[in-house]
Structures are given as C-alpha cells and as structure tokens.
Amino acid sequence: MNVDNHAQPSSTGQPATLKEIMRSLYKTGLDGLPIATEPPDLDPQVAAATVAMLRKVSSNTQEQLGMAELDEATIRSRDGARLACRCLAAGGQDMILIAIVPPGRYYRRATSRAIRQIKQLLS
C-alpha cells in the first residue's frame, strides 16, 4: 500500500494513496478525518478520539439493540452541518470514514466513491 503524500496517480487515473482519496473527498466540499486527514490542519488526536468513540457506540448499538452491522452514523448540528461516519472493511481491517459536511451539502455519493477507492487501494 502506498501512503506517500507525494505519489503520482496510478496509470488508471485512480488515486494511488489514501491521502489522494481524502484530498479528492475534500475537493467535493467535505472534510475527511479518520484514515488520513485533509485538510492537514485537522487535529489527528481529535480524529483518533472520534473514531474510538464511534467504534464503541456502534458496537454497543449492535449488541444492545440487536441491529445489523452499522453502515452509517450521522451527527447533525443546529446549523445543519453534519458529521457523517461511514463504516467500511478493507484490507482485513474495519475502518470508519468521517466527513464534516457543511450545511446544505450532500455527502453520500462522495463518501461512497471514497469508500470504493479505499477498498480498491487496500485489496
């Protein structure tokens, strides 16, 4: 797996690194947090704490309520901004992609594309 921030895109035009996938997500107007951060000024400790909390909540939700595997959890602020958390498994690991979504923006298509690219990159 290539995680170099300065890697060239693959010959297929697909992102070659996790950082490139997150940068592409950022260009759609969403800030991504957990796997790699984009923009770079996001605090990685906050991202790590958020992911840990969400893993615990999703695990408890499944166990306590008997729900199927979690696909998405969303936290919405009063101004309409959202913290969208999408679960995925790639490269033998469970991960959470977190995007900060500005008010009025759609995120599902952009995060679904990022998830497909991450799975392809890590497979």
N, C-alpha and C. Protein backbone atom coordinates (compact mmCIF):
# COMPACT_ATOMS: atom_id res chain seq x y z
N MET A 1 0.85 -1.17 0.00
CA MET A 1 0.00 0.00 0.00
C MET A 1 0.89 1.23 0.00
N ASN A 2 0.57 2.17 -0.84
CA ASN A 2 1.35 3.38 -0.95
C ASN A 2 0.66 4.49 -0.17
N VAL A 3 1.27 4.96 0.90
CA VAL A 3 0.70 6.05 1.69
C VAL A 3 1.50 7.34 1.54
N ASP A 4 2.43 7.37 0.60
CA ASP A 4 3.25 8.55 0.37
C ASP A 4 2.37 9.70 -0.10
N ASN A 5 2.49 10.85 0.55
CA ASN A 5 1.69 12.02 0.20
C ASN A 5 2.03 12.58 -1.18
N HIS A 6 3.20 12.27 -1.71
CA HIS A 6 3.63 12.86 -2.98
C HIS A 6 3.61 11.85 -4.12
N ALA A 7 2.95 10.73 -3.96
CA ALA A 7 2.90 9.71 -5.00
C ALA A 7 2.11 10.20 -6.20
N GLN A 8 2.47 9.70 -7.37
CA GLN A 8 1.77 10.03 -8.59
C GLN A 8 0.52 9.17 -8.71
N PRO A 9 -0.58 9.70 -9.30
CA PRO A 9 -1.76 8.88 -9.50
C PRO A 9 -1.41 7.68 -10.36
N SER A 10 -2.17 6.60 -10.19
CA SER A 10 -1.91 5.38 -10.95
C SER A 10 -2.18 5.62 -12.43
N SER A 11 -1.74 4.68 -13.26
CA SER A 11 -1.92 4.80 -14.70
C SER A 11 -3.39 4.74 -15.09
N THR A 12 -4.26 4.26 -14.20
CA THR A 12 -5.69 4.19 -14.48
C THR A 12 -6.38 5.51 -14.15
N GLY A 13 -5.65 6.46 -13.59
CA GLY A 13 -6.24 7.72 -13.19
C GLY A 13 -6.89 7.66 -11.81
N GLN A 14 -6.88 6.49 -11.17
CA GLN A 14 -7.44 6.33 -9.83
C GLN A 14 -6.42 6.79 -8.80
N PRO A 15 -6.88 7.28 -7.64
CA PRO A 15 -5.94 7.67 -6.59
C PRO A 15 -5.05 6.50 -6.19
N ALA A 16 -3.77 6.80 -5.96
CA ALA A 16 -2.80 5.76 -5.63
C ALA A 16 -2.50 5.69 -4.13
N THR A 17 -3.00 6.65 -3.36
CA THR A 17 -2.74 6.67 -1.92
C THR A 17 -4.02 7.04 -1.17
N LEU A 18 -4.04 6.72 0.11
CA LEU A 18 -5.17 7.12 0.94
C LEU A 18 -5.27 8.64 0.99
N LYS A 19 -4.15 9.30 1.04
CA LYS A 19 -4.13 10.77 1.09
C LYS A 19 -4.79 11.36 -0.15
N GLU A 20 -4.54 10.77 -1.32
CA GLU A 20 -5.16 11.25 -2.55
C GLU A 20 -6.68 11.05 -2.53
N ILE A 21 -7.12 9.94 -1.97
CA ILE A 21 -8.56 9.68 -1.85
C ILE A 21 -9.19 10.74 -0.95
N MET A 22 -8.56 11.02 0.17
CA MET A 22 -9.09 12.01 1.10
C MET A 22 -9.05 13.41 0.47
N ARG A 23 -8.00 13.71 -0.29
CA ARG A 23 -7.91 15.01 -0.96
C ARG A 23 -9.04 15.16 -1.97
N SER A 24 -9.36 14.08 -2.69
CA SER A 24 -10.46 14.10 -3.64
C SER A 24 -11.79 14.35 -2.93
N LEU A 25 -11.98 13.72 -1.77
CA LEU A 25 -13.19 13.93 -0.97
C LEU A 25 -13.26 15.39 -0.52
N TYR A 26 -12.13 15.94 -0.11
CA TYR A 26 -12.06 17.33 0.35
C TYR A 26 -12.44 18.28 -0.78
N LYS A 27 -12.05 17.96 -2.01
CA LYS A 27 -12.36 18.82 -3.15
C LYS A 27 -13.86 18.85 -3.45
N THR A 28 -14.62 17.87 -2.97
CA THR A 28 -16.07 17.88 -3.15
C THR A 28 -16.76 18.76 -2.11
N GLY A 29 -15.98 19.33 -1.20
CA GLY A 29 -16.54 20.20 -0.17
C GLY A 29 -16.70 19.53 1.18
N LEU A 30 -16.18 18.32 1.33
CA LEU A 30 -16.27 17.59 2.60
C LEU A 30 -14.89 17.48 3.20
N ASP A 31 -14.79 17.65 4.52
CA ASP A 31 -13.53 17.45 5.22
C ASP A 31 -13.51 16.01 5.73
N GLY A 32 -12.46 15.25 5.40
CA GLY A 32 -12.35 13.87 5.86
C GLY A 32 -11.41 13.78 7.05
N LEU A 33 -11.72 12.90 8.00
CA LEU A 33 -10.92 12.83 9.21
C LEU A 33 -10.10 11.57 9.43
N PRO A 34 -10.62 10.34 9.36
CA PRO A 34 -10.00 9.27 10.11
C PRO A 34 -8.81 8.56 9.51
N ILE A 35 -8.82 8.23 8.26
CA ILE A 35 -7.77 7.39 7.70
C ILE A 35 -6.53 8.23 7.44
N ALA A 36 -6.74 9.34 6.86
CA ALA A 36 -5.73 10.36 6.66
C ALA A 36 -6.51 11.65 6.80
N THR A 37 -5.89 12.73 7.15
CA THR A 37 -6.66 13.95 7.32
C THR A 37 -6.42 14.90 6.16
N GLU A 38 -7.47 15.53 5.74
CA GLU A 38 -7.42 16.54 4.70
C GLU A 38 -8.52 17.53 5.02
N PRO A 39 -8.32 18.78 5.25
CA PRO A 39 -7.05 19.47 5.13
C PRO A 39 -6.09 19.10 6.26
N PRO A 40 -4.80 19.36 6.06
CA PRO A 40 -3.79 18.91 7.01
C PRO A 40 -3.85 19.56 8.39
N ASP A 41 -4.61 20.65 8.56
CA ASP A 41 -4.65 21.31 9.86
C ASP A 41 -5.64 20.66 10.83
N LEU A 42 -6.34 19.60 10.41
CA LEU A 42 -7.22 18.89 11.33
C LEU A 42 -6.38 18.13 12.34
N ASP A 43 -6.78 18.17 13.59
CA ASP A 43 -6.02 17.57 14.68
C ASP A 43 -6.16 16.04 14.66
N PRO A 44 -5.08 15.29 14.43
CA PRO A 44 -5.17 13.83 14.37
C PRO A 44 -5.60 13.21 15.70
N GLN A 45 -5.32 13.86 16.83
CA GLN A 45 -5.75 13.33 18.12
C GLN A 45 -7.27 13.42 18.26
N VAL A 46 -7.86 14.49 17.75
CA VAL A 46 -9.32 14.61 17.78
C VAL A 46 -9.92 13.55 16.87
N ALA A 47 -9.33 13.35 15.70
CA ALA A 47 -9.82 12.32 14.77
C ALA A 47 -9.75 10.94 15.41
N ALA A 48 -8.65 10.63 16.05
CA ALA A 48 -8.48 9.31 16.69
C ALA A 48 -9.50 9.12 17.82
N ALA A 49 -9.71 10.15 18.62
CA ALA A 49 -10.69 10.06 19.71
C ALA A 49 -12.10 9.89 19.17
N THR A 50 -12.41 10.58 18.08
CA THR A 50 -13.73 10.46 17.45
C THR A 50 -13.95 9.05 16.94
N VAL A 51 -12.97 8.50 16.26
CA VAL A 51 -13.08 7.14 15.73
C VAL A 51 -13.26 6.13 16.87
N ALA A 52 -12.49 6.28 17.93
CA ALA A 52 -12.60 5.36 19.07
C ALA A 52 -14.00 5.43 19.69
N MET A 53 -14.52 6.63 19.86
CA MET A 53 -15.85 6.79 20.42
C MET A 53 -16.91 6.16 19.50
N LEU A 54 -16.78 6.38 18.21
CA LEU A 54 -17.77 5.84 17.27
C LEU A 54 -17.71 4.32 17.20
N ARG A 55 -16.53 3.75 17.28
CA ARG A 55 -16.42 2.29 17.31
C ARG A 55 -17.15 1.72 18.53
N LYS A 56 -16.97 2.36 19.66
CA LYS A 56 -17.64 1.89 20.88
C LYS A 56 -19.14 2.04 20.77
N VAL A 57 -19.62 3.17 20.29
CA VAL A 57 -21.06 3.39 20.13
C VAL A 57 -21.66 2.40 19.14
N SER A 58 -20.98 2.17 18.02
CA SER A 58 -21.53 1.23 17.02
C SER A 58 -21.56 -0.19 17.56
N SER A 59 -20.54 -0.58 18.28
CA SER A 59 -20.50 -1.91 18.88
C SER A 59 -21.62 -2.07 19.91
N ASN A 60 -21.78 -1.07 20.78
CA ASN A 60 -22.84 -1.12 21.79
C ASN A 60 -24.22 -1.13 21.15
N THR A 61 -24.40 -0.36 20.09
CA THR A 61 -25.69 -0.31 19.40
C THR A 61 -26.05 -1.68 18.84
N GLN A 62 -25.08 -2.31 18.19
CA GLN A 62 -25.32 -3.64 17.64
C GLN A 62 -25.68 -4.63 18.74
N GLU A 63 -24.91 -4.63 19.81
CA GLU A 63 -25.13 -5.58 20.90
C GLU A 63 -26.42 -5.32 21.66
N GLN A 64 -26.63 -4.08 22.07
CA GLN A 64 -27.77 -3.75 22.93
C GLN A 64 -29.11 -3.77 22.20
N LEU A 65 -29.12 -3.35 20.93
CA LEU A 65 -30.37 -3.25 20.19
C LEU A 65 -30.56 -4.37 19.18
N GLY A 66 -29.56 -5.24 19.06
CA GLY A 66 -29.67 -6.35 18.14
C GLY A 66 -29.72 -5.92 16.68
N MET A 67 -29.10 -4.81 16.36
CA MET A 67 -29.11 -4.30 14.99
C MET A 67 -28.04 -4.99 14.16
N ALA A 68 -28.22 -4.93 12.86
CA ALA A 68 -27.22 -5.44 11.93
C ALA A 68 -25.99 -4.53 11.98
N GLU A 69 -24.97 -4.93 11.26
CA GLU A 69 -23.73 -4.15 11.20
C GLU A 69 -24.03 -2.71 10.78
N LEU A 70 -23.42 -1.77 11.48
CA LEU A 70 -23.65 -0.35 11.23
C LEU A 70 -23.07 0.07 9.88
N ASP A 71 -23.85 0.80 9.10
CA ASP A 71 -23.40 1.35 7.82
C ASP A 71 -23.01 2.81 7.97
N GLU A 72 -23.81 3.56 8.72
CA GLU A 72 -23.58 4.99 8.83
C GLU A 72 -24.15 5.52 10.13
N ALA A 73 -23.47 6.49 10.70
CA ALA A 73 -23.98 7.26 11.83
C ALA A 73 -23.75 8.72 11.49
N THR A 74 -24.75 9.54 11.76
CA THR A 74 -24.65 10.96 11.43
C THR A 74 -25.01 11.79 12.65
N ILE A 75 -24.20 12.80 12.91
CA ILE A 75 -24.47 13.76 13.96
C ILE A 75 -24.73 15.09 13.27
N ARG A 76 -25.88 15.69 13.56
CA ARG A 76 -26.27 16.94 12.89
C ARG A 76 -26.31 18.07 13.90
N SER A 77 -25.69 19.19 13.54
CA SER A 77 -25.71 20.36 14.42
C SER A 77 -26.93 21.22 14.11
N ARG A 78 -27.21 22.15 14.97
CA ARG A 78 -28.39 23.02 14.78
C ARG A 78 -28.31 23.85 13.51
N ASP A 79 -27.10 24.15 13.04
CA ASP A 79 -26.98 24.95 11.82
C ASP A 79 -27.05 24.09 10.55
N GLY A 80 -27.24 22.78 10.71
CA GLY A 80 -27.39 21.90 9.54
C GLY A 80 -26.11 21.21 9.12
N ALA A 81 -24.98 21.54 9.73
CA ALA A 81 -23.74 20.83 9.42
C ALA A 81 -23.84 19.42 10.00
N ARG A 82 -23.14 18.48 9.38
CA ARG A 82 -23.19 17.10 9.85
C ARG A 82 -21.79 16.52 9.96
N LEU A 83 -21.67 15.57 10.85
CA LEU A 83 -20.50 14.72 10.96
C LEU A 83 -21.01 13.36 10.49
N ALA A 84 -20.67 12.98 9.27
CA ALA A 84 -21.15 11.72 8.68
C ALA A 84 -20.06 10.67 8.84
N CYS A 85 -20.42 9.55 9.43
CA CYS A 85 -19.48 8.48 9.72
C CYS A 85 -19.91 7.24 8.96
N ARG A 86 -19.08 6.81 8.01
CA ARG A 86 -19.39 5.66 7.18
C ARG A 86 -18.45 4.53 7.53
N CYS A 87 -19.00 3.36 7.80
CA CYS A 87 -18.20 2.19 8.18
C CYS A 87 -17.82 1.41 6.93
N LEU A 88 -16.61 0.84 6.95
CA LEU A 88 -16.17 0.02 5.84
C LEU A 88 -15.14 -0.99 6.33
N ALA A 89 -15.00 -2.05 5.57
CA ALA A 89 -13.95 -3.04 5.82
C ALA A 89 -13.09 -3.09 4.57
N ALA A 90 -11.79 -2.98 4.76
CA ALA A 90 -10.86 -3.01 3.63
C ALA A 90 -9.51 -3.49 4.13
N GLY A 91 -8.86 -4.30 3.32
CA GLY A 91 -7.54 -4.80 3.68
C GLY A 91 -7.55 -5.57 4.98
N GLY A 92 -8.66 -6.24 5.28
CA GLY A 92 -8.75 -7.02 6.51
C GLY A 92 -8.95 -6.20 7.76
N GLN A 93 -9.27 -4.92 7.62
CA GLN A 93 -9.46 -4.05 8.78
C GLN A 93 -10.82 -3.37 8.70
N ASP A 94 -11.44 -3.16 9.86
CA ASP A 94 -12.65 -2.35 9.94
C ASP A 94 -12.22 -0.91 10.11
N MET A 95 -12.84 -0.02 9.35
CA MET A 95 -12.47 1.39 9.38
C MET A 95 -13.72 2.24 9.43
N ILE A 96 -13.55 3.50 9.76
CA ILE A 96 -14.62 4.47 9.71
C ILE A 96 -14.11 5.68 8.94
N LEU A 97 -14.86 6.06 7.93
CA LEU A 97 -14.57 7.27 7.17
C LEU A 97 -15.47 8.36 7.75
N ILE A 98 -14.88 9.43 8.22
CA ILE A 98 -15.64 10.52 8.81
C ILE A 98 -15.50 11.74 7.92
N ALA A 99 -16.63 12.34 7.59
CA ALA A 99 -16.63 13.55 6.77
C ALA A 99 -17.40 14.65 7.50
N ILE A 100 -16.84 15.84 7.51
CA ILE A 100 -17.53 17.00 8.04
C ILE A 100 -18.26 17.62 6.86
N VAL A 101 -19.59 17.65 6.95
CA VAL A 101 -20.43 18.07 5.84
C VAL A 101 -21.03 19.44 6.14
N PRO A 102 -20.73 20.44 5.32
CA PRO A 102 -21.31 21.78 5.55
C PRO A 102 -22.83 21.75 5.37
N PRO A 103 -23.53 22.71 5.97
CA PRO A 103 -24.99 22.77 5.82
C PRO A 103 -25.40 22.79 4.35
N GLY A 104 -26.44 22.02 4.04
CA GLY A 104 -26.98 22.01 2.68
C GLY A 104 -26.22 21.18 1.67
N ARG A 105 -25.14 20.53 2.06
CA ARG A 105 -24.35 19.72 1.13
C ARG A 105 -24.76 18.27 1.23
N TYR A 106 -24.69 17.59 0.10
CA TYR A 106 -24.92 16.14 0.08
C TYR A 106 -23.57 15.46 0.18
N TYR A 107 -23.53 14.30 0.81
CA TYR A 107 -22.25 13.64 1.05
C TYR A 107 -22.24 12.18 0.64
N ARG A 108 -23.37 11.56 0.49
CA ARG A 108 -23.41 10.11 0.31
C ARG A 108 -22.66 9.66 -0.95
N ARG A 109 -22.86 10.33 -2.06
CA ARG A 109 -22.18 9.94 -3.30
C ARG A 109 -20.67 10.09 -3.17
N ALA A 110 -20.21 11.21 -2.60
CA ALA A 110 -18.77 11.45 -2.46
C ALA A 110 -18.14 10.45 -1.50
N THR A 111 -18.81 10.16 -0.39
CA THR A 111 -18.23 9.20 0.55
C THR A 111 -18.29 7.78 0.00
N SER A 112 -19.33 7.45 -0.75
CA SER A 112 -19.40 6.12 -1.37
C SER A 112 -18.26 5.93 -2.37
N ARG A 113 -17.96 6.97 -3.14
CA ARG A 113 -16.85 6.90 -4.09
C ARG A 113 -15.52 6.72 -3.34
N ALA A 114 -15.34 7.47 -2.26
CA ALA A 114 -14.11 7.34 -1.46
C ALA A 114 -13.99 5.94 -0.88
N ILE A 115 -15.09 5.37 -0.40
CA ILE A 115 -15.07 4.02 0.15
C ILE A 115 -14.68 3.01 -0.92
N ARG A 116 -15.26 3.12 -2.11
CA ARG A 116 -14.89 2.20 -3.21
C ARG A 116 -13.40 2.31 -3.52
N GLN A 117 -12.89 3.54 -3.56
CA GLN A 117 -11.47 3.74 -3.87
C GLN A 117 -10.58 3.19 -2.77
N ILE A 118 -10.96 3.36 -1.52
CA ILE A 118 -10.18 2.83 -0.40
C ILE A 118 -10.15 1.30 -0.47
N LYS A 119 -11.30 0.68 -0.70
CA LYS A 119 -11.36 -0.78 -0.81
C LYS A 119 -10.49 -1.27 -1.95
N GLN A 120 -10.54 -0.59 -3.08
CA GLN A 120 -9.72 -0.98 -4.23
C GLN A 120 -8.24 -0.82 -3.91
N LEU A 121 -7.87 0.26 -3.28
CA LEU A 121 -6.48 0.54 -2.93
C LEU A 121 -5.93 -0.50 -1.96
N LEU A 122 -6.74 -0.91 -0.99
CA LEU A 122 -6.27 -1.80 0.06
C LEU A 122 -6.48 -3.27 -0.23
N SER A 123 -7.10 -3.59 -1.35
CA SER A 123 -7.34 -5.02 -1.66
C SER A 123 -6.14 -5.66 -2.33
